[in-house]
Amino acid sequence: MREIIPVAVLSTTLVLATLAPALADRQPTPEERTRIEAVLRQQGFTRWGDIELENEGHWEVDDAVAADGREYDLHLGADLNVLRRDPD
């Protein structure tokens, strides 16, 4: 019985380790980045930080600076429409 528990723990750990990369956020491809940056400029943003595709399927843009100098964290939908602006 004692040998079964370590094997079960090891098996569970291996399964979770293989799932972790699938759950991780990712950076945009060059083509995606170009489209996202064009949308940000059209919306009046002058600069921004990291852009990542979140697990939920939306894009997160950190530290986006609007034309008035205010800074936001943005959430963009798959269609690149701004879903949410969180003041930074």
PDB file of N, CA and C in Angstrom:
ATOM      1  N   MET A   1       0.824  -1.197   0.000  1.00  0.00           N
ATOM      2  CA  MET A   1       0.000   0.000   0.000  1.00  0.00           C
ATOM      3  C   MET A   1       0.861   1.250   0.000  1.00  0.00           C
ATOM      4  N   ARG A   2       1.975   1.225   0.711  1.00  0.00           N
ATOM      5  CA  ARG A   2       2.843   2.408   0.785  1.00  0.00           C
ATOM      6  C   ARG A   2       3.424   2.767  -0.579  1.00  0.00           C
ATOM      7  N   GLU A   3       3.639   1.782  -1.419  1.00  0.00           N
ATOM      8  CA  GLU A   3       4.205   2.051  -2.742  1.00  0.00           C
ATOM      9  C   GLU A   3       3.166   2.666  -3.687  1.00  0.00           C
ATOM     10  N   ILE A   4       1.911   2.416  -3.439  1.00  0.00           N
ATOM     11  CA  ILE A   4       0.852   2.925  -4.317  1.00  0.00           C
ATOM     12  C   ILE A   4       0.734   4.440  -4.201  1.00  0.00           C
ATOM     13  N   ILE A   5       0.852   4.984  -3.011  1.00  0.00           N
ATOM     14  CA  ILE A   5       0.712   6.429  -2.816  1.00  0.00           C
ATOM     15  C   ILE A   5       1.780   7.205  -3.561  1.00  0.00           C
ATOM     16  N   PRO A   6       3.084   6.876  -3.429  1.00  0.00           N
ATOM     17  CA  PRO A   6       4.076   7.635  -4.212  1.00  0.00           C
ATOM     18  C   PRO A   6       3.861   7.528  -5.720  1.00  0.00           C
ATOM     19  N   VAL A   7       3.437   6.369  -6.211  1.00  0.00           N
ATOM     20  CA  VAL A   7       3.183   6.204  -7.645  1.00  0.00           C
ATOM     21  C   VAL A   7       2.018   7.093  -8.061  1.00  0.00           C
ATOM     22  N   ALA A   8       0.981   7.165  -7.245  1.00  0.00           N
ATOM     23  CA  ALA A   8      -0.170   8.012  -7.554  1.00  0.00           C
ATOM     24  C   ALA A   8       0.222   9.480  -7.557  1.00  0.00           C
ATOM     25  N   VAL A   9       1.028   9.890  -6.595  1.00  0.00           N
ATOM     26  CA  VAL A   9       1.491  11.278  -6.532  1.00  0.00           C
ATOM     27  C   VAL A   9       2.349  11.599  -7.740  1.00  0.00           C
ATOM     28  N   LEU A  10       3.244  10.708  -8.100  1.00  0.00           N
ATOM     29  CA  LEU A  10       4.104  10.926  -9.261  1.00  0.00           C
ATOM     30  C   LEU A  10       3.277  10.999 -10.541  1.00  0.00           C
ATOM     31  N   SER A  11       2.315  10.128 -10.684  1.00  0.00           N
ATOM     32  CA  SER A  11       1.456  10.137 -11.877  1.00  0.00           C
ATOM     33  C   SER A  11       0.685  11.441 -11.985  1.00  0.00           C
ATOM     34  N   THR A  12       0.122  11.888 -10.877  1.00  0.00           N
ATOM     35  CA  THR A  12      -0.634  13.145 -10.870  1.00  0.00           C
ATOM     36  C   THR A  12       0.268  14.318 -11.208  1.00  0.00           C
ATOM     37  N   THR A  13       1.484  14.320 -10.647  1.00  0.00           N
ATOM     38  CA  THR A  13       2.440  15.396 -10.918  1.00  0.00           C
ATOM     39  C   THR A  13       2.805  15.438 -12.399  1.00  0.00           C
ATOM     40  N   LEU A  14       3.032  14.283 -12.998  1.00  0.00           N
ATOM     41  CA  LEU A  14       3.379  14.239 -14.423  1.00  0.00           C
ATOM     42  C   LEU A  14       2.226  14.730 -15.303  1.00  0.00           C
ATOM     43  N   VAL A  15       1.013  14.365 -14.971  1.00  0.00           N
ATOM     44  CA  VAL A  15      -0.149  14.819 -15.741  1.00  0.00           C
ATOM     45  C   VAL A  15      -0.272  16.336 -15.646  1.00  0.00           C
ATOM     46  N   LEU A  16      -0.171  16.884 -14.438  1.00  0.00           N
ATOM     47  CA  LEU A  16      -0.278  18.332 -14.260  1.00  0.00           C
ATOM     48  C   LEU A  16       0.853  19.067 -14.960  1.00  0.00           C
ATOM     49  N   ALA A  17       2.050  18.510 -14.948  1.00  0.00           N
ATOM     50  CA  ALA A  17       3.195  19.150 -15.606  1.00  0.00           C
ATOM     51  C   ALA A  17       2.992  19.224 -17.115  1.00  0.00           C
ATOM     52  N   THR A  18       2.346  18.221 -17.696  1.00  0.00           N
ATOM     53  CA  THR A  18       2.109  18.264 -19.141  1.00  0.00           C
ATOM     54  C   THR A  18       0.987  19.224 -19.502  1.00  0.00           C
ATOM     55  N   LEU A  19       0.066  19.477 -18.574  1.00  0.00           N
ATOM     56  CA  LEU A  19      -1.026  20.417 -18.834  1.00  0.00           C
ATOM     57  C   LEU A  19      -0.597  21.866 -18.653  1.00  0.00           C
ATOM     58  N   ALA A  20       0.390  22.137 -17.843  1.00  0.00           N
ATOM     59  CA  ALA A  20       0.795  23.508 -17.515  1.00  0.00           C
ATOM     60  C   ALA A  20       1.093  24.353 -18.749  1.00  0.00           C
ATOM     61  N   PRO A  21       1.868  23.877 -19.727  1.00  0.00           N
ATOM     62  CA  PRO A  21       2.119  24.729 -20.897  1.00  0.00           C
ATOM     63  C   PRO A  21       0.846  25.076 -21.667  1.00  0.00           C
ATOM     64  N   ALA A  22      -0.116  24.184 -21.679  1.00  0.00           N
ATOM     65  CA  ALA A  22      -1.360  24.467 -22.393  1.00  0.00           C
ATOM     66  C   ALA A  22      -2.161  25.563 -21.703  1.00  0.00           C
ATOM     67  N   LEU A  23      -1.958  25.739 -20.411  1.00  0.00           N
ATOM     68  CA  LEU A  23      -2.696  26.731 -19.649  1.00  0.00           C
ATOM     69  C   LEU A  23      -1.977  28.076 -19.565  1.00  0.00           C
ATOM     70  N   ALA A  24      -0.763  28.131 -20.050  1.00  0.00           N
ATOM     71  CA  ALA A  24       0.040  29.346 -19.915  1.00  0.00           C
ATOM     72  C   ALA A  24      -0.395  30.413 -20.923  1.00  0.00           C
ATOM     73  N   ASP A  25      -0.226  31.677 -20.519  1.00  0.00           N
ATOM     74  CA  ASP A  25      -0.455  32.792 -21.433  1.00  0.00           C
ATOM     75  C   ASP A  25       0.606  32.739 -22.521  1.00  0.00           C
ATOM     76  N   ARG A  26       0.319  33.393 -23.646  1.00  0.00           N
ATOM     77  CA  ARG A  26       1.323  33.418 -24.716  1.00  0.00           C
ATOM     78  C   ARG A  26       1.442  34.809 -25.309  1.00  0.00           C
ATOM     79  N   GLN A  27       2.583  35.057 -25.894  1.00  0.00           N
ATOM     80  CA  GLN A  27       2.851  36.309 -26.583  1.00  0.00           C
ATOM     81  C   GLN A  27       2.198  36.261 -27.959  1.00  0.00           C
ATOM     82  N   PRO A  28       1.870  37.417 -28.535  1.00  0.00           N
ATOM     83  CA  PRO A  28       1.284  37.420 -29.882  1.00  0.00           C
ATOM     84  C   PRO A  28       2.328  37.066 -30.939  1.00  0.00           C
ATOM     85  N   THR A  29       1.859  36.490 -32.022  1.00  0.00           N
ATOM     86  CA  THR A  29       2.729  36.286 -33.176  1.00  0.00           C
ATOM     87  C   THR A  29       3.026  37.677 -33.758  1.00  0.00           C
ATOM     88  N   PRO A  30       4.009  37.792 -34.633  1.00  0.00           N
ATOM     89  CA  PRO A  30       4.273  39.103 -35.255  1.00  0.00           C
ATOM     90  C   PRO A  30       3.039  39.680 -35.965  1.00  0.00           C
ATOM     91  N   GLU A  31       2.273  38.829 -36.644  1.00  0.00           N
ATOM     92  CA  GLU A  31       1.077  39.296 -37.341  1.00  0.00           C
ATOM     93  C   GLU A  31       0.017  39.785 -36.349  1.00  0.00           C
ATOM     94  N   GLU A  32      -0.182  39.027 -35.264  1.00  0.00           N
ATOM     95  CA  GLU A  32      -1.145  39.442 -34.239  1.00  0.00           C
ATOM     96  C   GLU A  32      -0.719  40.757 -33.595  1.00  0.00           C
ATOM     97  N   ARG A  33       0.567  40.884 -33.299  1.00  0.00           N
ATOM     98  CA  ARG A  33       1.081  42.109 -32.678  1.00  0.00           C
ATOM     99  C   ARG A  33       0.822  43.310 -33.585  1.00  0.00           C
ATOM    100  N   THR A  34       1.060  43.161 -34.868  1.00  0.00           N
ATOM    101  CA  THR A  34       0.830  44.249 -35.823  1.00  0.00           C
ATOM    102  C   THR A  34      -0.627  44.690 -35.809  1.00  0.00           C
ATOM    103  N   ARG A  35      -1.547  43.729 -35.827  1.00  0.00           N
ATOM    104  CA  ARG A  35      -2.985  44.055 -35.809  1.00  0.00           C
ATOM    105  C   ARG A  35      -3.386  44.710 -34.491  1.00  0.00           C
ATOM    106  N   ILE A  36      -2.900  44.167 -33.369  1.00  0.00           N
ATOM    107  CA  ILE A  36      -3.236  44.725 -32.055  1.00  0.00           C
ATOM    108  C   ILE A  36      -2.703  46.143 -31.926  1.00  0.00           C
ATOM    109  N   GLU A  37      -1.474  46.363 -32.330  1.00  0.00           N
ATOM    110  CA  GLU A  37      -0.882  47.702 -32.224  1.00  0.00           C
ATOM    111  C   GLU A  37      -1.614  48.704 -33.115  1.00  0.00           C
ATOM    112  N   ALA A  38      -2.080  48.272 -34.268  1.00  0.00           N
ATOM    113  CA  ALA A  38      -2.855  49.168 -35.142  1.00  0.00           C
ATOM    114  C   ALA A  38      -4.157  49.580 -34.452  1.00  0.00           C
ATOM    115  N   VAL A  39      -4.822  48.628 -33.807  1.00  0.00           N
ATOM    116  CA  VAL A  39      -6.053  48.933 -33.076  1.00  0.00           C
ATOM    117  C   VAL A  39      -5.764  49.888 -31.925  1.00  0.00           C
ATOM    118  N   LEU A  40      -4.688  49.655 -31.203  1.00  0.00           N
ATOM    119  CA  LEU A  40      -4.337  50.533 -30.080  1.00  0.00           C
ATOM    120  C   LEU A  40      -4.097  51.962 -30.569  1.00  0.00           C
ATOM    121  N   ARG A  41      -3.392  52.119 -31.671  1.00  0.00           N
ATOM    122  CA  ARG A  41      -3.153  53.466 -32.227  1.00  0.00           C
ATOM    123  C   ARG A  41      -4.465  54.119 -32.655  1.00  0.00           C
ATOM    124  N   GLN A  42      -5.352  53.334 -33.292  1.00  0.00           N
ATOM    125  CA  GLN A  42      -6.658  53.867 -33.705  1.00  0.00           C
ATOM    126  C   GLN A  42      -7.479  54.329 -32.508  1.00  0.00           C
ATOM    127  N   GLN A  43      -7.290  53.676 -31.372  1.00  0.00           N
ATOM    128  CA  GLN A  43      -8.004  54.028 -30.143  1.00  0.00           C
ATOM    129  C   GLN A  43      -7.340  55.205 -29.416  1.00  0.00           C
ATOM    130  N   GLY A  44      -6.221  55.690 -29.942  1.00  0.00           N
ATOM    131  CA  GLY A  44      -5.564  56.850 -29.367  1.00  0.00           C
ATOM    132  C   GLY A  44      -4.469  56.547 -28.355  1.00  0.00           C
ATOM    133  N   PHE A  45      -4.068  55.304 -28.246  1.00  0.00           N
ATOM    134  CA  PHE A  45      -2.988  54.965 -27.323  1.00  0.00           C
ATOM    135  C   PHE A  45      -1.644  55.242 -27.985  1.00  0.00           C
ATOM    136  N   THR A  46      -0.722  55.777 -27.203  1.00  0.00           N
ATOM    137  CA  THR A  46       0.564  56.204 -27.753  1.00  0.00           C
ATOM    138  C   THR A  46       1.694  55.223 -27.458  1.00  0.00           C
ATOM    139  N   ARG A  47       1.564  54.462 -26.385  1.00  0.00           N
ATOM    140  CA  ARG A  47       2.558  53.424 -26.064  1.00  0.00           C
ATOM    141  C   ARG A  47       1.923  52.422 -25.101  1.00  0.00           C
ATOM    142  N   TRP A  48       2.590  51.283 -24.940  1.00  0.00           N
ATOM    143  CA  TRP A  48       2.061  50.196 -24.114  1.00  0.00           C
ATOM    144  C   TRP A  48       3.190  49.257 -23.757  1.00  0.00           C
ATOM    145  N   GLY A  49       2.886  48.373 -22.806  1.00  0.00           N
ATOM    146  CA  GLY A  49       3.865  47.379 -22.353  1.00  0.00           C
ATOM    147  C   GLY A  49       3.571  46.017 -22.968  1.00  0.00           C
ATOM    148  N   ASP A  50       3.597  45.005 -22.123  1.00  0.00           N
ATOM    149  CA  ASP A  50       3.407  43.627 -22.568  1.00  0.00           C
ATOM    150  C   ASP A  50       2.022  43.401 -23.152  1.00  0.00           C
ATOM    151  N   ILE A  51       1.977  42.530 -24.146  1.00  0.00           N
ATOM    152  CA  ILE A  51       0.726  42.076 -24.745  1.00  0.00           C
ATOM    153  C   ILE A  51       0.730  40.558 -24.642  1.00  0.00           C
ATOM    154  N   GLU A  52      -0.323  39.996 -24.038  1.00  0.00           N
ATOM    155  CA  GLU A  52      -0.409  38.544 -23.887  1.00  0.00           C
ATOM    156  C   GLU A  52      -1.824  38.057 -24.157  1.00  0.00           C
ATOM    157  N   LEU A  53      -1.919  36.863 -24.726  1.00  0.00           N
ATOM    158  CA  LEU A  53      -3.203  36.193 -24.869  1.00  0.00           C
ATOM    159  C   LEU A  53      -3.437  35.419 -23.581  1.00  0.00           C
ATOM    160  N   GLU A  54      -4.475  35.785 -22.865  1.00  0.00           N
ATOM    161  CA  GLU A  54      -4.799  35.156 -21.584  1.00  0.00           C
ATOM    162  C   GLU A  54      -5.525  33.832 -21.801  1.00  0.00           C
ATOM    163  N   ASN A  55      -5.525  33.014 -20.762  1.00  0.00           N
ATOM    164  CA  ASN A  55      -6.206  31.719 -20.810  1.00  0.00           C
ATOM    165  C   ASN A  55      -7.675  31.849 -21.177  1.00  0.00           C
ATOM    166  N   GLU A  56      -8.282  32.962 -20.805  1.00  0.00           N
ATOM    167  CA  GLU A  56      -9.710  33.165 -21.066  1.00  0.00           C
ATOM    168  C   GLU A  56      -9.994  33.466 -22.527  1.00  0.00           C
ATOM    169  N   GLY A  57      -8.953  33.617 -23.338  1.00  0.00           N
ATOM    170  CA  GLY A  57      -9.137  33.865 -24.763  1.00  0.00           C
ATOM    171  C   GLY A  57      -9.154  35.320 -25.155  1.00  0.00           C
ATOM    172  N   HIS A  58      -8.823  36.220 -24.226  1.00  0.00           N
ATOM    173  CA  HIS A  58      -8.760  37.636 -24.588  1.00  0.00           C
ATOM    174  C   HIS A  58      -7.323  38.125 -24.465  1.00  0.00           C
ATOM    175  N   TRP A  59      -7.057  39.224 -25.129  1.00  0.00           N
ATOM    176  CA  TRP A  59      -5.737  39.829 -25.088  1.00  0.00           C
ATOM    177  C   TRP A  59      -5.652  40.803 -23.923  1.00  0.00           C
ATOM    178  N   GLU A  60      -4.545  40.782 -23.227  1.00  0.00           N
ATOM    179  CA  GLU A  60      -4.302  41.759 -22.165  1.00  0.00           C
ATOM    180  C   GLU A  60      -3.130  42.633 -22.586  1.00  0.00           C
ATOM    181  N   VAL A  61      -3.336  43.937 -22.494  1.00  0.00           N
ATOM    182  CA  VAL A  61      -2.296  44.910 -22.832  1.00  0.00           C
ATOM    183  C   VAL A  61      -1.999  45.687 -21.554  1.00  0.00           C
ATOM    184  N   ASP A  62      -0.763  45.581 -21.085  1.00  0.00           N
ATOM    185  CA  ASP A  62      -0.363  46.263 -19.855  1.00  0.00           C
ATOM    186  C   ASP A  62       0.132  47.674 -20.146  1.00  0.00           C
ATOM    187  N   ASP A  63      -0.185  48.579 -19.226  1.00  0.00           N
ATOM    188  CA  ASP A  63       0.383  49.931 -19.216  1.00  0.00           C
ATOM    189  C   ASP A  63       0.175  50.699 -20.519  1.00  0.00           C
ATOM    190  N   ALA A  64      -1.021  50.625 -21.076  1.00  0.00           N
ATOM    191  CA  ALA A  64      -1.336  51.368 -22.300  1.00  0.00           C
ATOM    192  C   ALA A  64      -1.577  52.829 -21.931  1.00  0.00           C
ATOM    193  N   VAL A  65      -0.853  53.732 -22.576  1.00  0.00           N
ATOM    194  CA  VAL A  65      -0.947  55.160 -22.283  1.00  0.00           C
ATOM    195  C   VAL A  65      -1.824  55.828 -23.338  1.00  0.00           C
ATOM    196  N   ALA A  66      -2.916  56.438 -22.860  1.00  0.00           N
ATOM    197  CA  ALA A  66      -3.848  57.135 -23.746  1.00  0.00           C
ATOM    198  C   ALA A  66      -3.272  58.493 -24.145  1.00  0.00           C
ATOM    199  N   ALA A  67      -3.897  59.121 -25.123  1.00  0.00           N
ATOM    200  CA  ALA A  67      -3.442  60.423 -25.613  1.00  0.00           C
ATOM    201  C   ALA A  67      -3.412  61.477 -24.508  1.00  0.00           C
ATOM    202  N   ASP A  68      -4.299  61.349 -23.506  1.00  0.00           N
ATOM    203  CA  ASP A  68      -4.321  62.316 -22.406  1.00  0.00           C
ATOM    204  C   ASP A  68      -3.301  61.999 -21.307  1.00  0.00           C
ATOM    205  N   GLY A  69      -2.488  60.960 -21.524  1.00  0.00           N
ATOM    206  CA  GLY A  69      -1.443  60.609 -20.569  1.00  0.00           C
ATOM    207  C   GLY A  69      -1.862  59.613 -19.503  1.00  0.00           C
ATOM    208  N   ARG A  70      -3.140  59.291 -19.437  1.00  0.00           N
ATOM    209  CA  ARG A  70      -3.600  58.307 -18.455  1.00  0.00           C
ATOM    210  C   ARG A  70      -3.180  56.905 -18.881  1.00  0.00           C
ATOM    211  N   GLU A  71      -2.914  56.069 -17.886  1.00  0.00           N
ATOM    212  CA  GLU A  71      -2.423  54.718 -18.149  1.00  0.00           C
ATOM    213  C   GLU A  71      -3.488  53.681 -17.766  1.00  0.00           C
ATOM    214  N   TYR A  72      -3.623  52.669 -18.616  1.00  0.00           N
ATOM    215  CA  TYR A  72      -4.638  51.633 -18.420  1.00  0.00           C
ATOM    216  C   TYR A  72      -4.057  50.254 -18.689  1.00  0.00           C
ATOM    217  N   ASP A  73      -4.652  49.251 -18.058  1.00  0.00           N
ATOM    218  CA  ASP A  73      -4.485  47.870 -18.474  1.00  0.00           C
ATOM    219  C   ASP A  73      -5.732  47.562 -19.284  1.00  0.00           C
ATOM    220  N   LEU A  74      -5.548  47.050 -20.484  1.00  0.00           N
ATOM    221  CA  LEU A  74      -6.657  46.812 -21.401  1.00  0.00           C
ATOM    222  C   LEU A  74      -6.915  45.325 -21.583  1.00  0.00           C
ATOM    223  N   HIS A  75      -8.167  45.004 -21.839  1.00  0.00           N
ATOM    224  CA  HIS A  75      -8.559  43.650 -22.207  1.00  0.00           C
ATOM    225  C   HIS A  75      -9.266  43.751 -23.544  1.00  0.00           C
ATOM    226  N   LEU A  76      -8.725  43.054 -24.546  1.00  0.00           N
ATOM    227  CA  LEU A  76      -9.287  43.064 -25.890  1.00  0.00           C
ATOM    228  C   LEU A  76      -9.896  41.708 -26.199  1.00  0.00           C
ATOM    229  N   GLY A  77     -11.050  41.717 -26.854  1.00  0.00           N
ATOM    230  CA  GLY A  77     -11.678  40.470 -27.264  1.00  0.00           C
ATOM    231  C   GLY A  77     -10.956  39.861 -28.454  1.00  0.00           C
ATOM    232  N   ALA A  78     -11.406  38.693 -28.858  1.00  0.00           N
ATOM    233  CA  ALA A  78     -10.814  38.012 -30.013  1.00  0.00           C
ATOM    234  C   ALA A  78     -10.920  38.874 -31.272  1.00  0.00           C
ATOM    235  N   ASP A  79     -11.961  39.727 -31.332  1.00  0.00           N
ATOM    236  CA  ASP A  79     -12.147  40.633 -32.470  1.00  0.00           C
ATOM    237  C   ASP A  79     -11.348  41.934 -32.297  1.00  0.00           C
ATOM    238  N   LEU A  80     -10.575  42.022 -31.210  1.00  0.00           N
ATOM    239  CA  LEU A  80      -9.697  43.147 -30.852  1.00  0.00           C
ATOM    240  C   LEU A  80     -10.451  44.395 -30.401  1.00  0.00           C
ATOM    241  N   ASN A  81     -11.744  44.277 -30.128  1.00  0.00           N
ATOM    242  CA  ASN A  81     -12.481  45.382 -29.513  1.00  0.00           C
ATOM    243  C   ASN A  81     -12.085  45.478 -28.042  1.00  0.00           C
ATOM    244  N   VAL A  82     -12.002  46.699 -27.536  1.00  0.00           N
ATOM    245  CA  VAL A  82     -11.662  46.891 -26.128  1.00  0.00           C
ATOM    246  C   VAL A  82     -12.850  46.457 -25.277  1.00  0.00           C
ATOM    247  N   LEU A  83     -12.631  45.431 -24.461  1.00  0.00           N
ATOM    248  CA  LEU A  83     -13.679  44.917 -23.571  1.00  0.00           C
ATOM    249  C   LEU A  83     -13.677  45.649 -22.235  1.00  0.00           C
ATOM    250  N   ARG A  84     -12.472  46.015 -21.792  1.00  0.00           N
ATOM    251  CA  ARG A  84     -12.353  46.635 -20.474  1.00  0.00           C
ATOM    252  C   ARG A  84     -11.101  47.488 -20.427  1.00  0.00           C
ATOM    253  N   ARG A  85     -11.205  48.643 -19.724  1.00  0.00           N
ATOM    254  CA  ARG A  85     -10.081  49.540 -19.449  1.00  0.00           C
ATOM    255  C   ARG A  85      -9.973  49.667 -17.952  1.00  0.00           C
ATOM    256  N   ASP A  86      -8.904  49.169 -17.397  1.00  0.00           N
ATOM    257  CA  ASP A  86      -8.684  49.301 -15.959  1.00  0.00           C
ATOM    258  C   ASP A  86      -7.627  50.370 -15.723  1.00  0.00           C
ATOM    259  N   PRO A  87      -7.992  51.464 -15.024  1.00  0.00           N
ATOM    260  CA  PRO A  87      -6.972  52.492 -14.731  1.00  0.00           C
ATOM    261  C   PRO A  87      -5.793  51.855 -14.011  1.00  0.00           C
ATOM    262  N   ASP A  88      -4.616  52.264 -14.400  1.00  0.00           N
ATOM    263  CA  ASP A  88      -3.400  51.700 -13.811  1.00  0.00           C
ATOM    264  C   ASP A  88      -2.901  52.580 -12.689  1.00  0.00           C
TER     265      ASP A  88
END
